[in-house]
Protein backbone atom coordinates (compact mmCIF):
# COMPACT_ATOMS: atom_id res chain seq x y z
CA UNK A 1 23.42 3.17 -24.26
CA UNK A 2 21.88 4.65 -21.14
CA UNK A 3 22.54 8.29 -20.35
CA UNK A 4 21.31 7.92 -16.78
CA UNK A 5 23.97 8.94 -14.30
CA UNK A 6 24.67 6.72 -11.33
CA UNK A 7 23.45 8.10 -8.03
CA UNK A 8 25.66 8.67 -5.01
CA UNK A 9 23.54 6.11 -3.17
CA UNK A 10 24.14 2.86 -5.06
CA UNK A 11 22.06 -0.32 -5.04
CA UNK A 12 20.69 -1.05 -1.57
CA UNK A 13 22.12 -3.91 0.50
CA UNK A 14 19.97 -6.34 2.43
CA UNK A 15 20.08 -5.46 6.13
CA UNK A 16 18.49 -6.19 9.47
CA UNK A 17 16.41 -3.22 10.55
CA UNK A 18 14.87 -1.51 13.55
CA UNK A 19 11.88 0.83 13.31
CA UNK A 20 12.55 4.54 13.82
CA UNK A 21 10.09 7.40 13.35
CA UNK A 22 11.02 10.96 12.46
CA UNK A 23 9.36 14.15 11.26
CA UNK A 24 10.48 16.16 8.24
CA UNK A 25 9.27 19.12 6.21
CA UNK A 26 6.88 18.45 3.33
CA UNK A 27 9.50 19.77 0.91
CA UNK A 28 12.05 17.19 2.12
CA UNK A 29 9.53 14.37 1.76
CA UNK A 30 8.87 15.46 -1.82
CA UNK A 31 12.61 15.46 -2.57
CA UNK A 32 13.01 12.03 -0.99
CA UNK A 33 10.19 10.70 -3.17
CA UNK A 34 11.81 12.22 -6.27
CA UNK A 35 15.12 10.61 -5.30
CA UNK A 36 13.40 7.25 -4.74
CA UNK A 37 11.82 7.43 -8.20
CA UNK A 38 15.19 8.22 -9.77
CA UNK A 39 16.85 5.43 -7.78
CA UNK A 40 14.24 2.95 -9.02
CA UNK A 41 14.74 4.10 -12.60
CA UNK A 42 18.54 3.93 -12.31
CA UNK A 43 18.78 0.50 -10.66
CA UNK A 44 15.60 -1.15 -11.98
CA UNK A 45 14.16 -1.97 -8.58
CA UNK A 46 11.21 -0.14 -7.03
CA UNK A 47 12.07 1.46 -3.69
CA UNK A 48 10.21 3.96 -1.54
CA UNK A 49 11.64 7.01 0.19
CA UNK A 50 11.34 5.45 3.65
CA UNK A 51 13.62 2.60 2.59
CA UNK A 52 16.25 5.03 1.32
CA UNK A 53 16.50 7.22 4.42
CA UNK A 54 18.69 4.93 6.59
CA UNK A 55 21.04 4.27 3.67
CA UNK A 56 21.33 8.00 2.98
CA UNK A 57 22.06 8.73 6.64
CA UNK A 58 24.64 5.96 6.81
CA UNK A 59 26.36 7.29 3.69
CA UNK A 60 26.28 10.85 5.05
CA UNK A 61 27.78 9.84 8.38
CA UNK A 62 30.48 7.73 6.72
CA UNK A 63 31.57 10.73 4.65
CA UNK A 64 31.53 13.28 7.50
CA UNK A 65 35.18 13.97 8.32
CA UNK A 66 34.43 15.65 11.64
CA UNK A 67 32.39 12.67 12.78
CA UNK A 68 35.13 10.26 11.69
CA UNK A 69 37.64 12.11 13.86
CA UNK A 70 35.38 11.68 16.90
CA UNK A 71 35.30 7.91 16.50
């Protein structure tokens, strides 16, 4: 039995994408890479931090109550 906890960001869906570039602190990049490694271990599919970022942002925005009220 696996003791690995599921992550808030579940398995990634297949999507159509557009390229976007952003800058972040080194510490955030390290955390994103750690999250990507844990995501790969949890779901058995290798994924890099760059792939996770749009899914994390989408999840964040969907759970932001203030943003929902503005829509």
